[in-house]
C-alpha cells in the first residue's frame, strides 16, 4: 500500500504541480530546478542557445519566456544577464505564484511573472528575444500560438523554440509504459489536449508560415539521448508505483547505478553532431 510520500509523488507526476508545501519552502523548488538543469538533456541545449543569443545583448534588451512553468529559464537568464529585462508568462496561476515567490527569494528585480494565455498575448513593448521551450506541442492551436509569439517579437528579434519531435522509442515496452504512467506529466498541461506528435518538417513549416526566418536548427535526443530519457522515465514510473519505504533504497540505487550511465549517454548526445533526433531546437529571426 502506498504511503503519503508515494501518493504525493504519484499526484505530482499526474498533475505536473508541486505540493503546497513548496509555497512555504521555495528553496526546495530551487533545488529541484538545479537538479533539472543537470538531469534534463533539453535544458543543456536550450541554455547553450540562450547564451549564444543573449551574450551580445544591449543594455535595454528584453526577453519573454513563453510558458515559463516555475521560471527555471527566466530566473537563470535574469541572474546571468543583469542588464536583461525578463518576463515569464504561464497559463497556470500556481506556476506564476510559485515562480514569483522564487524571484523574491533570490532577490532579482529584472524579472517578473504574469498569468497569460499565449494565444491572446499582445504585449507592449515587444521583446528582443522569446523563448518557448517544450510548450508548443501541448497547445492545440499551435499555429495561433506561433502567430502570437511572432507578433510579440520586435523586428530583428529572435525566437528560440524547442519542441519534442518524432517520439521514436528504443527500450522494449517503453512506449506503452510512458503512455500509461507519464503521458500527462511530460506532454499534457490540464487544458484538455494531449499533445501534437510533430515531425521536424512539421515544426519548420509552422515557424516559416509566421514570417520568421530560421537561422539555425539542431537536433537533440538521438539514440543515446533518447535512451537516457527512457532510463530516467522508467525511474519516475517506479517512483510513481512503489511504496514509500522503497524510496530509501531506490533513490540511492539510481544515484549509484543508473545516474552515471544516464549522464554519459547525455554527454555523448550533446557533443556528437546529429542529423535527426527526438528533439528540435530552432533559432528564428523576425525580419
Protein backbone atom coordinates (compact mmCIF):
# COMPACT_ATOMS: atom_id res chain seq x y z
CA UNK A 1 0.00 0.00 0.00
CA UNK A 2 1.21 3.50 -0.81
CA UNK A 3 2.05 5.89 1.99
CA UNK A 4 1.62 9.67 1.94
CA UNK A 5 5.02 10.34 0.33
CA UNK A 6 4.42 7.90 -2.52
CA UNK A 7 0.93 9.31 -3.03
CA UNK A 8 2.29 12.86 -3.32
CA UNK A 9 4.89 11.75 -5.86
CA UNK A 10 2.22 10.00 -7.88
CA UNK A 11 -0.06 13.06 -7.76
CA UNK A 12 2.81 15.31 -8.89
CA UNK A 13 3.53 13.04 -11.85
CA UNK A 14 -0.17 13.19 -12.76
CA UNK A 15 -0.84 16.90 -12.29
CA UNK A 16 2.60 18.44 -13.02
CA UNK A 17 2.14 20.66 -9.96
CA UNK A 18 4.22 20.70 -6.81
CA UNK A 19 2.63 20.13 -3.36
CA UNK A 20 1.50 23.21 -1.44
CA UNK A 21 4.44 22.60 0.92
CA UNK A 22 6.67 24.24 -1.68
CA UNK A 23 5.00 27.60 -1.05
CA UNK A 24 6.40 27.56 2.47
CA UNK A 25 9.84 26.28 1.46
CA UNK A 26 10.60 27.64 -2.03
CA UNK A 27 14.26 26.68 -1.67
CA UNK A 28 13.09 23.13 -2.36
CA UNK A 29 11.92 24.26 -5.80
CA UNK A 30 15.25 25.99 -6.40
CA UNK A 31 16.97 22.72 -5.54
CA UNK A 32 14.76 20.84 -8.00
CA UNK A 33 15.43 23.45 -10.67
CA UNK A 34 19.16 23.00 -10.19
CA UNK A 35 18.71 19.23 -10.44
CA UNK A 36 16.68 19.68 -13.64
CA UNK A 37 19.50 21.64 -15.27
CA UNK A 38 21.67 18.56 -14.77
CA UNK A 39 19.26 15.71 -15.45
CA UNK A 40 17.13 17.09 -18.32
CA UNK A 41 19.04 17.00 -21.58
CA UNK A 42 16.95 19.56 -23.43
CA UNK A 43 18.00 22.15 -20.83
CA UNK A 44 21.61 21.70 -21.93
CA UNK A 45 20.71 22.59 -25.49
CA UNK A 46 18.39 25.45 -24.58
CA UNK A 47 20.90 27.09 -22.24
CA UNK A 48 23.59 26.95 -24.92
CA UNK A 49 21.25 28.56 -27.46
CA UNK A 50 20.22 31.25 -24.95
CA UNK A 51 23.87 32.04 -24.28
CA UNK A 52 24.58 32.42 -28.00
CA UNK A 53 21.65 34.81 -28.48
CA UNK A 54 21.87 36.79 -25.23
CA UNK A 55 25.64 37.22 -24.92
CA UNK A 56 25.80 40.30 -27.18
CA UNK A 57 22.68 41.90 -25.62
CA UNK A 58 22.23 45.63 -25.36
CA UNK A 59 21.60 47.30 -22.03
CA UNK A 60 17.87 47.74 -22.67
CA UNK A 61 17.22 44.28 -24.17
CA UNK A 62 14.15 42.29 -23.16
CA UNK A 63 13.20 38.62 -23.15
CA UNK A 64 9.95 36.68 -22.84
CA UNK A 65 9.78 33.12 -21.53
CA UNK A 66 6.54 31.90 -23.13
CA UNK A 67 5.21 29.06 -20.99
CA UNK A 68 7.70 29.66 -18.20
CA UNK A 69 6.46 26.98 -15.80
CA UNK A 70 8.16 27.64 -12.48
CA UNK A 71 10.56 30.10 -14.06
CA UNK A 72 13.68 27.96 -14.48
CA UNK A 73 14.93 29.72 -17.61
CA UNK A 74 13.54 33.15 -16.75
CA UNK A 75 15.33 33.20 -13.40
CA UNK A 76 18.52 31.80 -14.94
CA UNK A 77 18.60 34.47 -17.66
CA UNK A 78 17.76 37.30 -15.25
CA UNK A 79 20.59 36.24 -12.95
CA UNK A 80 23.13 35.57 -15.72
CA UNK A 81 22.38 38.81 -17.61
CA UNK A 82 21.58 41.60 -15.12
CA UNK A 83 21.07 44.13 -17.94
CA UNK A 84 18.31 41.98 -19.41
CA UNK A 85 14.64 42.63 -18.62
CA UNK A 86 12.80 39.28 -18.40
CA UNK A 87 9.09 38.44 -18.35
CA UNK A 88 7.79 34.93 -17.76
CA UNK A 89 4.20 34.07 -18.66
CA UNK A 90 2.25 30.90 -17.95
CA UNK A 91 -1.40 29.87 -18.07
CA UNK A 92 -1.16 28.24 -14.62
CA UNK A 93 -1.75 30.58 -11.68
CA UNK A 94 0.01 28.04 -9.44
CA UNK A 95 3.18 28.26 -11.56
CA UNK A 96 3.13 32.05 -11.68
CA UNK A 97 2.65 32.44 -7.93
CA UNK A 98 5.39 29.96 -7.10
CA UNK A 99 7.78 31.46 -9.67
CA UNK A 100 7.17 34.89 -8.14
CA UNK A 101 7.97 33.53 -4.67
CA UNK A 102 11.23 32.17 -6.06
CA UNK A 103 12.04 35.54 -7.61
CA UNK A 104 11.63 37.23 -4.25
CA UNK A 105 13.77 34.62 -2.54
CA UNK A 106 16.69 35.10 -4.93
CA UNK A 107 16.11 38.90 -4.96
CA UNK A 108 16.02 39.52 -8.68
CA UNK A 109 14.48 42.82 -9.81
CA UNK A 110 14.88 42.38 -13.57
CA UNK A 111 12.32 39.57 -13.94
CA UNK A 112 8.58 39.37 -13.35
CA UNK A 113 5.95 36.68 -13.86
CA UNK A 114 2.42 37.03 -15.21
CA UNK A 115 -0.51 34.74 -15.82
CA UNK A 116 -1.37 34.98 -19.51
CA UNK A 117 -2.81 32.98 -22.37
CA UNK A 118 -0.20 32.75 -25.12
CA UNK A 119 -2.92 32.51 -27.77
CA UNK A 120 -4.10 36.04 -26.95
CA UNK A 121 -0.91 37.64 -25.67
CA UNK A 122 -0.35 41.13 -27.10
CA UNK A 123 2.48 42.78 -25.14
CA UNK A 124 3.67 46.35 -25.49
CA UNK A 125 6.52 46.98 -25.82
CA UNK A 126 7.61 43.91 -27.76
CA UNK A 127 10.58 41.67 -26.95
CA UNK A 128 14.06 41.26 -28.38
CA UNK A 129 14.13 37.53 -27.57
CA UNK A 130 11.39 34.98 -26.94
CA UNK A 131 12.00 31.50 -25.55
CA UNK A 132 9.36 28.79 -25.99
CA UNK A 133 10.73 25.53 -24.61
CA UNK A 134 8.73 22.27 -24.66
CA UNK A 135 5.42 24.17 -24.72
CA UNK A 136 4.19 24.33 -28.31
CA UNK A 137 3.38 20.61 -28.55
CA UNK A 138 0.87 20.99 -25.70
CA UNK A 139 -1.11 23.84 -27.34
CA UNK A 140 -3.89 22.63 -29.60
CA UNK A 141 -3.97 25.78 -31.71
CA UNK A 142 -0.21 25.83 -32.16
CA UNK A 143 -0.33 27.99 -35.29
CA UNK A 144 -2.08 30.77 -33.38
CA UNK A 145 0.47 30.41 -30.58
CA UNK A 146 3.29 30.92 -33.08
CA UNK A 147 1.49 33.91 -34.59
CA UNK A 148 1.23 35.42 -31.11
CA UNK A 149 4.92 34.80 -30.50
CA UNK A 150 5.85 36.38 -33.83
CA UNK A 151 3.63 39.36 -33.03
CA UNK A 152 5.35 39.79 -29.66
CA UNK A 153 8.82 39.98 -31.26
CA UNK A 154 10.50 43.19 -32.28
CA UNK A 155 11.81 43.42 -35.81
CA UNK A 156 15.24 41.81 -35.70
CA UNK A 157 14.27 39.82 -32.61
CA UNK A 158 14.89 36.11 -32.09
CA UNK A 159 12.69 33.15 -31.24
CA UNK A 160 14.28 30.14 -29.55
CA UNK A 161 11.89 27.25 -29.96
CA UNK A 162 12.44 23.77 -28.58
CA UNK A 163 9.90 21.01 -29.10
CA UNK A 164 9.82 17.22 -28.99
CA UNK A 165 9.53 15.54 -32.38
CA UNK A 166 9.44 12.04 -33.84
CA UNK A 167 8.84 10.24 -30.49
CA UNK A 168 10.96 7.26 -31.50
CA UNK A 169 11.46 4.84 -28.58
CA UNK A 170 14.22 2.28 -28.15
CA UNK A 171 13.75 0.29 -24.93
CA UNK A 172 11.30 -2.64 -25.13
CA UNK A 173 7.75 -1.77 -23.99
CA UNK A 174 8.77 1.79 -23.01
CA UNK A 175 6.17 3.47 -25.26
CA UNK A 176 3.36 1.53 -23.58
CA UNK A 177 4.64 2.35 -20.08
CA UNK A 178 5.06 6.02 -20.96
CA UNK A 179 1.51 6.26 -22.31
CA UNK A 180 0.15 4.54 -19.21
CA UNK A 181 2.02 6.43 -16.50
CA UNK A 182 3.79 9.59 -17.72
CA UNK A 183 1.80 10.98 -20.64
CA UNK A 184 0.23 13.77 -18.56
CA UNK A 185 3.50 14.63 -16.82
CA UNK A 186 5.53 15.00 -20.00
CA UNK A 187 3.01 16.25 -22.52
CA UNK A 188 -0.30 17.46 -21.09
CA UNK A 189 -0.92 20.61 -19.05
CA UNK A 190 -4.51 20.47 -17.84
CA UNK A 191 -6.01 22.06 -20.94
CA UNK A 192 -7.90 19.02 -22.16
CA UNK A 193 -5.49 18.50 -25.04
CA UNK A 194 -2.83 15.80 -25.05
CA UNK A 195 -0.06 16.81 -27.47
CA UNK A 196 0.99 17.15 -31.09
CA UNK A 197 3.29 14.46 -32.45
CA UNK A 198 5.45 16.56 -34.73
CA UNK A 199 7.97 15.66 -37.37
CA UNK A 200 10.87 18.06 -37.84
CA UNK A 201 9.33 19.35 -41.06
CA UNK A 202 6.01 20.00 -39.32
CA UNK A 203 7.69 22.42 -36.91
CA UNK A 204 9.87 24.05 -39.56
CA UNK A 205 6.86 24.69 -41.79
CA UNK A 206 4.78 26.13 -38.93
CA UNK A 207 7.57 28.55 -37.97
CA UNK A 208 8.15 29.65 -41.55
CA UNK A 209 4.46 30.37 -42.13
CA UNK A 210 4.61 33.03 -39.39
CA UNK A 211 7.12 35.00 -41.45
CA UNK A 212 10.13 34.16 -39.26
CA UNK A 213 13.41 33.22 -40.90
CA UNK A 214 15.09 30.13 -39.47
CA UNK A 215 18.77 30.86 -38.93
CA UNK A 216 19.74 27.70 -37.08
CA UNK A 217 18.28 24.31 -36.29
CA UNK A 218 19.75 21.38 -34.41
CA UNK A 219 18.57 18.05 -33.10
CA UNK A 220 18.72 16.58 -29.62
CA UNK A 221 17.88 13.17 -28.21
CA UNK A 222 19.44 10.96 -30.81
CA UNK A 223 19.85 7.30 -29.89
CA UNK A 224 21.97 7.97 -26.79
CA UNK A 225 19.89 10.90 -25.58
CA UNK A 226 16.64 9.04 -26.18
CA UNK A 227 17.81 6.02 -24.20
CA UNK A 228 18.95 8.31 -21.36
CA UNK A 229 15.47 9.87 -21.34
CA UNK A 230 13.83 6.45 -21.28
CA UNK A 231 16.01 5.23 -18.39
CA UNK A 232 15.14 8.29 -16.30
CA UNK A 233 11.48 7.92 -17.21
CA UNK A 234 11.48 4.30 -16.07
CA UNK A 235 12.86 5.50 -12.74
CA UNK A 236 9.98 8.00 -12.46
CA UNK A 237 7.47 5.25 -13.23
CA UNK A 238 8.96 3.11 -10.46
CA UNK A 239 8.71 6.05 -8.04
CA UNK A 240 5.10 6.52 -9.03
CA UNK A 241 4.20 2.90 -8.42
CA UNK A 242 6.30 1.86 -5.45
CA UNK A 243 5.52 2.19 -1.72
CA UNK A 244 7.38 4.89 0.17
CA UNK A 245 9.65 2.63 2.20
CA UNK A 246 11.34 1.52 -1.02
CA UNK A 247 12.30 5.11 -1.90
CA UNK A 248 15.18 4.94 0.57
CA UNK A 249 16.57 2.04 -1.44
CA UNK A 250 15.63 3.04 -4.97
CA UNK A 251 16.90 6.62 -4.90
CA UNK A 252 20.47 5.68 -3.78
CA UNK A 253 20.49 2.81 -6.30
CA UNK A 254 19.51 5.23 -9.03
CA UNK A 255 22.27 7.62 -7.98
CA UNK A 256 24.92 4.92 -7.88
CA UNK A 257 23.98 2.77 -10.86
CA UNK A 258 21.66 4.50 -13.31
CA UNK A 259 22.58 8.17 -12.99
CA UNK A 260 26.22 7.76 -14.19
CA UNK A 261 25.08 5.78 -17.24
CA UNK A 262 22.43 8.38 -17.97
CA UNK A 263 24.94 11.24 -17.75
CA UNK A 264 27.39 9.51 -20.09
CA UNK A 265 24.65 8.92 -22.66
CA UNK A 266 23.52 12.55 -22.40
CA UNK A 267 27.09 13.84 -22.82
CA UNK A 268 27.54 11.72 -25.96
CA UNK A 269 24.29 13.09 -27.34
CA UNK A 270 25.26 16.68 -26.56
CA UNK A 271 28.73 16.63 -28.08
CA UNK A 272 28.13 14.41 -31.12
CA UNK A 273 26.57 16.08 -34.16
CA UNK A 274 23.22 14.56 -35.17
CA UNK A 275 21.11 14.68 -38.31
CA UNK A 276 17.95 13.51 -36.55
CA UNK A 277 16.57 13.05 -33.05
CA UNK A 278 13.56 13.27 -30.78
CA UNK A 279 14.04 16.97 -30.09
CA UNK A 280 14.35 20.00 -32.37
CA UNK A 281 15.80 23.37 -31.43
CA UNK A 282 15.14 26.27 -33.80
CA UNK A 283 16.55 29.79 -33.69
CA UNK A 284 14.47 32.06 -35.93
CA UNK A 285 14.70 35.78 -36.66
CA UNK A 286 11.93 38.28 -37.35
CA UNK A 287 12.91 40.36 -40.38
